[in-house]
C-alpha atoms as a PDB file:
ATOM      1  CA  UNK A   1     120.516 105.065  90.810  1.00  0.00           C
ATOM      2  CA  UNK A   2     118.104 102.444  89.458  1.00  0.00           C
ATOM      3  CA  UNK A   3     120.597  99.712  90.351  1.00  0.00           C
ATOM      4  CA  UNK A   4     120.673 101.026  93.905  1.00  0.00           C
ATOM      5  CA  UNK A   5     116.872 100.948  94.041  1.00  0.00           C
ATOM      6  CA  UNK A   6     116.899  97.342  92.814  1.00  0.00           C
ATOM      7  CA  UNK A   7     119.409  96.519  95.551  1.00  0.00           C
ATOM      8  CA  UNK A   8     117.159  98.228  98.113  1.00  0.00           C
ATOM      9  CA  UNK A   9     114.317  95.950  97.022  1.00  0.00           C
ATOM     10  CA  UNK A  10     116.529  92.928  97.615  1.00  0.00           C
ATOM     11  CA  UNK A  11     117.460  94.231 101.068  1.00  0.00           C
ATOM     12  CA  UNK A  12     113.769  94.792 101.797  1.00  0.00           C
ATOM     13  CA  UNK A  13     113.067  91.174 100.852  1.00  0.00           C
ATOM     14  CA  UNK A  14     115.795  90.102 103.251  1.00  0.00           C
ATOM     15  CA  UNK A  15     114.186  92.234 105.985  1.00  0.00           C
ATOM     16  CA  UNK A  16     117.243  94.489 106.160  1.00  0.00           C
ATOM     17  CA  UNK A  17     114.949  97.471 106.491  1.00  0.00           C
ATOM     18  CA  UNK A  18     117.426 100.054 107.786  1.00  0.00           C
ATOM     19  CA  UNK A  19     119.706  99.617 104.785  1.00  0.00           C
ATOM     20  CA  UNK A  20     116.807  99.470 102.361  1.00  0.00           C
ATOM     21  CA  UNK A  21     115.244 102.617 103.816  1.00  0.00           C
ATOM     22  CA  UNK A  22     118.511 104.546 103.549  1.00  0.00           C
ATOM     23  CA  UNK A  23     118.882 103.669  99.867  1.00  0.00           C
ATOM     24  CA  UNK A  24     115.252 104.497  99.068  1.00  0.00           C
ATOM     25  CA  UNK A  25     115.585 107.859 100.816  1.00  0.00           C
ATOM     26  CA  UNK A  26     118.744 108.719  98.866  1.00  0.00           C
ATOM     27  CA  UNK A  27     117.101 107.641  95.609  1.00  0.00           C
ATOM     28  CA  UNK A  28     114.008 109.672  96.397  1.00  0.00           C
ATOM     29  CA  UNK A  29     116.113 112.789  96.930  1.00  0.00           C
ATOM     30  CA  UNK A  30     117.971 112.221  93.658  1.00  0.00           C
ATOM     31  CA  UNK A  31     114.785 111.564  91.682  1.00  0.00           C
ATOM     32  CA  UNK A  32     113.006 114.594  93.144  1.00  0.00           C
ATOM     33  CA  UNK A  33     115.975 116.815  92.313  1.00  0.00           C
ATOM     34  CA  UNK A  34     116.441 115.337  88.841  1.00  0.00           C
ATOM     35  CA  UNK A  35     112.836 114.902  87.692  1.00  0.00           C
ATOM     36  CA  UNK A  36     110.763 117.055  90.028  1.00  0.00           C
ATOM     37  CA  UNK A  37     108.343 116.063  92.785  1.00  0.00           C
ATOM     38  CA  UNK A  38     105.624 114.573  90.569  1.00  0.00           C
ATOM     39  CA  UNK A  39     107.548 112.103  88.423  1.00  0.00           C
ATOM     40  CA  UNK A  40     106.832 108.380  88.165  1.00  0.00           C
ATOM     41  CA  UNK A  41     110.212 107.426  89.686  1.00  0.00           C
ATOM     42  CA  UNK A  42     109.392 109.622  92.692  1.00  0.00           C
ATOM     43  CA  UNK A  43     106.024 107.881  93.107  1.00  0.00           C
ATOM     44  CA  UNK A  44     107.614 104.454  92.756  1.00  0.00           C
ATOM     45  CA  UNK A  45     110.211 105.235  95.406  1.00  0.00           C
ATOM     46  CA  UNK A  46     107.598 106.706  97.724  1.00  0.00           C
ATOM     47  CA  UNK A  47     105.621 103.458  97.380  1.00  0.00           C
ATOM     48  CA  UNK A  48     108.684 101.307  98.092  1.00  0.00           C
ATOM     49  CA  UNK A  49     109.807 103.432 101.020  1.00  0.00           C
ATOM     50  CA  UNK A  50     106.290 103.302 102.466  1.00  0.00           C
ATOM     51  CA  UNK A  51     106.357  99.501 102.225  1.00  0.00           C
ATOM     52  CA  UNK A  52     109.617  99.382 104.196  1.00  0.00           C
ATOM     53  CA  UNK A  53     108.262 101.748 106.831  1.00  0.00           C
ATOM     54  CA  UNK A  54     105.078  99.705 107.083  1.00  0.00           C
ATOM     55  CA  UNK A  55     107.098  96.516 107.590  1.00  0.00           C
ATOM     56  CA  UNK A  56     108.994  98.265 110.390  1.00  0.00           C
ATOM     57  CA  UNK A  57     105.757  99.435 111.996  1.00  0.00           C
ATOM     58  CA  UNK A  58     106.000 103.155 111.193  1.00  0.00           C
ATOM     59  CA  UNK A  59     102.431 103.207 109.936  1.00  0.00           C
ATOM     60  CA  UNK A  60     101.797 106.945 110.137  1.00  0.00           C
ATOM     61  CA  UNK A  61     104.724 107.934 107.934  1.00  0.00           C
ATOM     62  CA  UNK A  62     104.034 104.999 105.614  1.00  0.00           C
ATOM     63  CA  UNK A  63     100.455 106.204 105.161  1.00  0.00           C
ATOM     64  CA  UNK A  64     101.647 109.709 104.227  1.00  0.00           C
ATOM     65  CA  UNK A  65     104.065 108.318 101.654  1.00  0.00           C
ATOM     66  CA  UNK A  66     101.489 105.930 100.168  1.00  0.00           C
ATOM     67  CA  UNK A  67      99.014 108.813  99.843  1.00  0.00           C
ATOM     68  CA  UNK A  68     101.586 110.952  98.050  1.00  0.00           C
ATOM     69  CA  UNK A  69     102.598 108.070  95.773  1.00  0.00           C
ATOM     70  CA  UNK A  70      98.960 107.343  94.976  1.00  0.00           C
ATOM     71  CA  UNK A  71      98.240 110.976  94.118  1.00  0.00           C
ATOM     72  CA  UNK A  72     101.186 111.107  91.718  1.00  0.00           C
ATOM     73  CA  UNK A  73     100.405 107.755  90.098  1.00  0.00           C
ATOM     74  CA  UNK A  74      96.739 108.587  89.608  1.00  0.00           C
ATOM     75  CA  UNK A  75      97.655 111.954  88.099  1.00  0.00           C
ATOM     76  CA  UNK A  76     100.248 110.476  85.742  1.00  0.00           C
ATOM     77  CA  UNK A  77      98.732 107.077  84.952  1.00  0.00           C
ATOM     78  CA  UNK A  78      95.043 107.511  85.659  1.00  0.00           C
ATOM     79  CA  UNK A  79      92.748 106.369  88.447  1.00  0.00           C
ATOM     80  CA  UNK A  80      92.199 102.987  86.777  1.00  0.00           C
ATOM     81  CA  UNK A  81      95.907 102.216  86.399  1.00  0.00           C
ATOM     82  CA  UNK A  82      97.002  98.811  87.764  1.00  0.00           C
ATOM     83  CA  UNK A  83     100.120 100.488  89.155  1.00  0.00           C
ATOM     84  CA  UNK A  84      98.013 102.997  91.076  1.00  0.00           C
ATOM     85  CA  UNK A  85      95.767 100.130  92.201  1.00  0.00           C
ATOM     86  CA  UNK A  86      98.778  98.379  93.742  1.00  0.00           C
ATOM     87  CA  UNK A  87      99.528 101.456  95.834  1.00  0.00           C
ATOM     88  CA  UNK A  88      95.844 101.712  96.733  1.00  0.00           C
ATOM     89  CA  UNK A  89      95.931  98.061  97.775  1.00  0.00           C
ATOM     90  CA  UNK A  90      98.960  98.554 100.011  1.00  0.00           C
ATOM     91  CA  UNK A  91      97.465 101.652 101.576  1.00  0.00           C
ATOM     92  CA  UNK A  92      94.194  99.817 102.193  1.00  0.00           C
ATOM     93  CA  UNK A  93      96.053  96.977 103.889  1.00  0.00           C
ATOM     94  CA  UNK A  94      97.914  99.513 106.031  1.00  0.00           C
ATOM     95  CA  UNK A  95      94.664 101.230 107.052  1.00  0.00           C
ATOM     96  CA  UNK A  96      93.150  97.874 107.972  1.00  0.00           C
ATOM     97  CA  UNK A  97      96.208  97.204 110.112  1.00  0.00           C
ATOM     98  CA  UNK A  98      95.646 100.581 111.794  1.00  0.00           C
ATOM     99  CA  UNK A  99      92.065  99.546 112.623  1.00  0.00           C
ATOM    100  CA  UNK A 100      90.438 101.744 109.982  1.00  0.00           C
ATOM    101  CA  UNK A 101      88.668  98.809 108.337  1.00  0.00           C
ATOM    102  CA  UNK A 102      85.800 100.737 106.751  1.00  0.00           C
ATOM    103  CA  UNK A 103      88.146 103.093 104.956  1.00  0.00           C
ATOM    104  CA  UNK A 104      90.391 100.163 104.083  1.00  0.00           C
ATOM    105  CA  UNK A 105      87.505  98.169 102.626  1.00  0.00           C
ATOM    106  CA  UNK A 106      86.598 100.943 100.197  1.00  0.00           C
ATOM    107  CA  UNK A 107      90.194 101.290  98.983  1.00  0.00           C
ATOM    108  CA  UNK A 108      90.717  97.561  98.714  1.00  0.00           C
ATOM    109  CA  UNK A 109      87.446  97.056  96.852  1.00  0.00           C
ATOM    110  CA  UNK A 110      88.484  99.721  94.363  1.00  0.00           C
ATOM    111  CA  UNK A 111      91.923  98.123  93.968  1.00  0.00           C
ATOM    112  CA  UNK A 112      90.411  94.678  93.375  1.00  0.00           C
ATOM    113  CA  UNK A 113      87.938  96.034  90.814  1.00  0.00           C
ATOM    114  CA  UNK A 114      90.688  97.821  88.911  1.00  0.00           C
ATOM    115  CA  UNK A 115      93.031  94.835  88.969  1.00  0.00           C
ATOM    116  CA  UNK A 116      90.230  92.440  87.943  1.00  0.00           C
ATOM    117  CA  UNK A 117      89.555  94.565  84.885  1.00  0.00           C
ATOM    118  CA  UNK A 118      93.225  94.789  83.890  1.00  0.00           C
ATOM    119  CA  UNK A 119      94.930  91.535  84.958  1.00  0.00           C
ATOM    120  CA  UNK A 120      94.487  87.822  84.380  1.00  0.00           C
ATOM    121  CA  UNK A 121      92.220  86.143  86.969  1.00  0.00           C
ATOM    122  CA  UNK A 122      95.147  84.190  88.425  1.00  0.00           C
ATOM    123  CA  UNK A 123      97.606  87.104  88.573  1.00  0.00           C
ATOM    124  CA  UNK A 124      99.458  87.244  91.924  1.00  0.00           C
ATOM    125  CA  UNK A 125      98.781  90.967  92.414  1.00  0.00           C
ATOM    126  CA  UNK A 126      95.065  90.338  92.088  1.00  0.00           C
ATOM    127  CA  UNK A 127      95.232  87.402  94.507  1.00  0.00           C
ATOM    128  CA  UNK A 128      97.091  89.582  97.001  1.00  0.00           C
ATOM    129  CA  UNK A 129      94.515  92.373  96.698  1.00  0.00           C
ATOM    130  CA  UNK A 130      91.650  89.912  97.137  1.00  0.00           C
ATOM    131  CA  UNK A 131      93.304  88.514 100.275  1.00  0.00           C
ATOM    132  CA  UNK A 132      93.702  92.027 101.689  1.00  0.00           C
ATOM    133  CA  UNK A 133      90.057  92.793 100.941  1.00  0.00           C
ATOM    134  CA  UNK A 134      88.943  89.591 102.649  1.00  0.00           C
ATOM    135  CA  UNK A 135      91.052  90.533 105.683  1.00  0.00           C
ATOM    136  CA  UNK A 136      89.370  93.943 105.869  1.00  0.00           C
ATOM    137  CA  UNK A 137      85.924  92.350 105.539  1.00  0.00           C
ATOM    138  CA  UNK A 138      86.802  89.915 108.312  1.00  0.00           C
ATOM    139  CA  UNK A 139      87.952  92.810 110.496  1.00  0.00           C
ATOM    140  CA  UNK A 140      84.639  94.548 109.892  1.00  0.00           C
ATOM    141  CA  UNK A 141      82.670  91.402 110.763  1.00  0.00           C
ATOM    142  CA  UNK A 142      84.687  91.003 113.954  1.00  0.00           C
ATOM    143  CA  UNK A 143      84.091  94.656 114.801  1.00  0.00           C
ATOM    144  CA  UNK A 144      80.353  94.215 114.283  1.00  0.00           C
ATOM    145  CA  UNK A 145      80.378  91.132 116.535  1.00  0.00           C
ATOM    146  CA  UNK A 146      82.369  92.977 119.196  1.00  0.00           C
ATOM    147  CA  UNK A 147      80.047  95.987 119.160  1.00  0.00           C
ATOM    148  CA  UNK A 148      76.551  94.654 118.403  1.00  0.00           C
ATOM    149  CA  UNK A 149      73.786  97.074 117.615  1.00  0.00           C
ATOM    150  CA  UNK A 150      71.853  97.989 120.700  1.00  0.00           C
ATOM    151  CA  UNK A 151      68.727  99.179 118.936  1.00  0.00           C
ATOM    152  CA  UNK A 152      66.605  97.845 116.140  1.00  0.00           C
ATOM    153  CA  UNK A 153      66.436  99.877 112.979  1.00  0.00           C
ATOM    154  CA  UNK A 154      62.712  99.208 112.736  1.00  0.00           C
ATOM    155  CA  UNK A 155      60.187 101.558 114.252  1.00  0.00           C
ATOM    156  CA  UNK A 156      58.233  99.786 116.948  1.00  0.00           C
ATOM    157  CA  UNK A 157      55.430 101.123 119.018  1.00  0.00           C
ATOM    158  CA  UNK A 158      55.659 100.643 122.734  1.00  0.00           C
ATOM    159  CA  UNK A 159      52.403  99.494 124.330  1.00  0.00           C
END
């Protein structure tokens, strides 16, 4: 089954999402039946399937799968695991894409901090997470510019 999953990743890279999704779904069913619902291979396939769904624009289902993958990875590997941080990064990027930039920023910041502490400064995963965080910060700045504050936060006395 691992060979099939590797082939699905190649198909994903070629943007043959329907074929890739079908293989990931079959693999997920096999891994859940073989290892149980909270195994690393299940989490890995959930992550990969979510990435395919995200690429196709099915953001709601992708978010559910990323959340499940993240829960499993954090339980098995720990909250500070680079592997869990990669799922957190992808989910943060997805949330930013859905317009949930504040929530995305928190996830992406956490992912960057974890990856910075575990990977070399020039590692591609860290660069990718930093780029996603910058995108979320830019989205937040644009949102602030689009909806400026209408009131000062300072108390002023009307005369």
